[in-house]
């Protein structure tokens, strides 16, 4: 990601599904996929790490994943309503 001009800003500790912990550097980037775009925190992964989009990115895109068609599906955001 450094070659893309993304600068590491800090280190964060992450846990895998198997509860193994490791630290990675994170930075900020404009993330785009399948016509959706947003600004998000990105992780400087190691070669053995998986490549994936996190739930925060998917929510920012306003999409859900269709696991059968393997594509994004636009969703309607849930907006909190003030009590009257």
C-alpha atoms as a PDB file:
ATOM      1  CA  UNK A   1       0.000   0.000   0.000  1.00  0.00           C
ATOM      2  CA  UNK A   2       2.944   2.300   0.456  1.00  0.00           C
ATOM      3  CA  UNK A   3       3.414   2.112  -3.329  1.00  0.00           C
ATOM      4  CA  UNK A   4      -0.178   3.422  -3.656  1.00  0.00           C
ATOM      5  CA  UNK A   5       0.763   6.456  -1.551  1.00  0.00           C
ATOM      6  CA  UNK A   6      -0.999   5.312   1.626  1.00  0.00           C
ATOM      7  CA  UNK A   7       0.919   6.270   4.776  1.00  0.00           C
ATOM      8  CA  UNK A   8       0.835   4.134   7.918  1.00  0.00           C
ATOM      9  CA  UNK A   9      -0.676   6.180  10.783  1.00  0.00           C
ATOM     10  CA  UNK A  10      -0.552   3.814  13.763  1.00  0.00           C
ATOM     11  CA  UNK A  11      -0.412   0.185  14.848  1.00  0.00           C
ATOM     12  CA  UNK A  12      -3.483  -1.838  15.851  1.00  0.00           C
ATOM     13  CA  UNK A  13      -3.857  -5.274  17.372  1.00  0.00           C
ATOM     14  CA  UNK A  14      -6.163  -7.654  15.518  1.00  0.00           C
ATOM     15  CA  UNK A  15      -7.513 -11.120  16.382  1.00  0.00           C
ATOM     16  CA  UNK A  16      -8.229 -13.858  13.851  1.00  0.00           C
ATOM     17  CA  UNK A  17     -11.223 -16.192  13.983  1.00  0.00           C
ATOM     18  CA  UNK A  18      -8.868 -18.663  15.709  1.00  0.00           C
ATOM     19  CA  UNK A  19      -8.142 -15.969  18.343  1.00  0.00           C
ATOM     20  CA  UNK A  20      -4.530 -15.502  17.258  1.00  0.00           C
ATOM     21  CA  UNK A  21      -3.463 -11.911  17.862  1.00  0.00           C
ATOM     22  CA  UNK A  22      -1.118  -9.842  15.767  1.00  0.00           C
ATOM     23  CA  UNK A  23      -0.308  -6.202  15.196  1.00  0.00           C
ATOM     24  CA  UNK A  24      -0.533  -4.457  11.842  1.00  0.00           C
ATOM     25  CA  UNK A  25      -0.067  -0.865  10.741  1.00  0.00           C
ATOM     26  CA  UNK A  26      -3.157   1.013   9.524  1.00  0.00           C
ATOM     27  CA  UNK A  27      -3.676   4.054   7.321  1.00  0.00           C
ATOM     28  CA  UNK A  28      -6.504   5.786   5.458  1.00  0.00           C
ATOM     29  CA  UNK A  29      -7.563   5.450   1.826  1.00  0.00           C
ATOM     30  CA  UNK A  30     -10.410   5.902  -0.599  1.00  0.00           C
ATOM     31  CA  UNK A  31     -11.726   2.359  -1.047  1.00  0.00           C
ATOM     32  CA  UNK A  32     -13.653   1.432  -4.214  1.00  0.00           C
ATOM     33  CA  UNK A  33     -15.298  -1.820  -5.312  1.00  0.00           C
ATOM     34  CA  UNK A  34     -18.044  -2.641  -7.821  1.00  0.00           C
ATOM     35  CA  UNK A  35     -18.942   1.026  -8.327  1.00  0.00           C
ATOM     36  CA  UNK A  36     -19.120   1.895  -4.597  1.00  0.00           C
ATOM     37  CA  UNK A  37     -16.622   4.238  -2.938  1.00  0.00           C
ATOM     38  CA  UNK A  38     -15.814   5.579   0.543  1.00  0.00           C
ATOM     39  CA  UNK A  39     -12.968   6.706   2.800  1.00  0.00           C
ATOM     40  CA  UNK A  40     -11.905   4.016   5.281  1.00  0.00           C
ATOM     41  CA  UNK A  41      -9.125   2.718   7.485  1.00  0.00           C
ATOM     42  CA  UNK A  42      -6.986   0.138   5.691  1.00  0.00           C
ATOM     43  CA  UNK A  43      -4.644  -2.483   7.142  1.00  0.00           C
ATOM     44  CA  UNK A  44      -1.082  -3.069   5.942  1.00  0.00           C
ATOM     45  CA  UNK A  45      -1.324  -6.859   5.699  1.00  0.00           C
ATOM     46  CA  UNK A  46       1.421  -9.453   5.778  1.00  0.00           C
ATOM     47  CA  UNK A  47       1.806 -11.812   2.773  1.00  0.00           C
ATOM     48  CA  UNK A  48       0.026 -14.635   4.660  1.00  0.00           C
ATOM     49  CA  UNK A  49      -3.001 -12.469   5.610  1.00  0.00           C
ATOM     50  CA  UNK A  50      -6.374 -12.796   3.861  1.00  0.00           C
ATOM     51  CA  UNK A  51      -7.622 -10.004   1.604  1.00  0.00           C
ATOM     52  CA  UNK A  52     -11.126  -8.911   2.595  1.00  0.00           C
ATOM     53  CA  UNK A  53     -13.467  -5.989   3.082  1.00  0.00           C
ATOM     54  CA  UNK A  54     -14.606  -5.452   6.648  1.00  0.00           C
ATOM     55  CA  UNK A  55     -18.151  -4.871   7.805  1.00  0.00           C
ATOM     56  CA  UNK A  56     -17.436  -1.175   8.355  1.00  0.00           C
ATOM     57  CA  UNK A  57     -16.484  -0.765   4.686  1.00  0.00           C
ATOM     58  CA  UNK A  58     -19.556  -2.682   3.515  1.00  0.00           C
ATOM     59  CA  UNK A  59     -21.815  -0.541   5.723  1.00  0.00           C
ATOM     60  CA  UNK A  60     -20.118   2.588   4.374  1.00  0.00           C
ATOM     61  CA  UNK A  61     -20.815   1.399   0.820  1.00  0.00           C
ATOM     62  CA  UNK A  62     -24.444   0.814   1.856  1.00  0.00           C
ATOM     63  CA  UNK A  63     -24.401  -2.778   0.647  1.00  0.00           C
ATOM     64  CA  UNK A  64     -24.859  -6.353   1.783  1.00  0.00           C
ATOM     65  CA  UNK A  65     -23.118  -9.332   0.206  1.00  0.00           C
ATOM     66  CA  UNK A  66     -25.190 -11.746  -1.883  1.00  0.00           C
ATOM     67  CA  UNK A  67     -23.349 -15.002  -1.123  1.00  0.00           C
ATOM     68  CA  UNK A  68     -25.093 -16.892  -3.920  1.00  0.00           C
ATOM     69  CA  UNK A  69     -24.553 -14.403  -6.767  1.00  0.00           C
ATOM     70  CA  UNK A  70     -21.210 -13.222  -5.280  1.00  0.00           C
ATOM     71  CA  UNK A  71     -22.016  -9.529  -5.634  1.00  0.00           C
ATOM     72  CA  UNK A  72     -23.016  -6.483  -3.611  1.00  0.00           C
ATOM     73  CA  UNK A  73     -26.689  -5.635  -3.119  1.00  0.00           C
ATOM     74  CA  UNK A  74     -27.665  -2.071  -2.165  1.00  0.00           C
ATOM     75  CA  UNK A  75     -29.379  -1.789   1.221  1.00  0.00           C
ATOM     76  CA  UNK A  76     -31.481   0.865   2.903  1.00  0.00           C
ATOM     77  CA  UNK A  77     -29.711   2.358   5.925  1.00  0.00           C
ATOM     78  CA  UNK A  78     -31.447   2.206   9.285  1.00  0.00           C
ATOM     79  CA  UNK A  79     -31.809   5.702  10.694  1.00  0.00           C
ATOM     80  CA  UNK A  80     -32.309   6.310  14.386  1.00  0.00           C
ATOM     81  CA  UNK A  81     -35.399   8.328  15.257  1.00  0.00           C
ATOM     82  CA  UNK A  82     -35.575  10.763  18.144  1.00  0.00           C
ATOM     83  CA  UNK A  83     -38.139  10.128  20.852  1.00  0.00           C
ATOM     84  CA  UNK A  84     -41.114  12.434  20.839  1.00  0.00           C
END
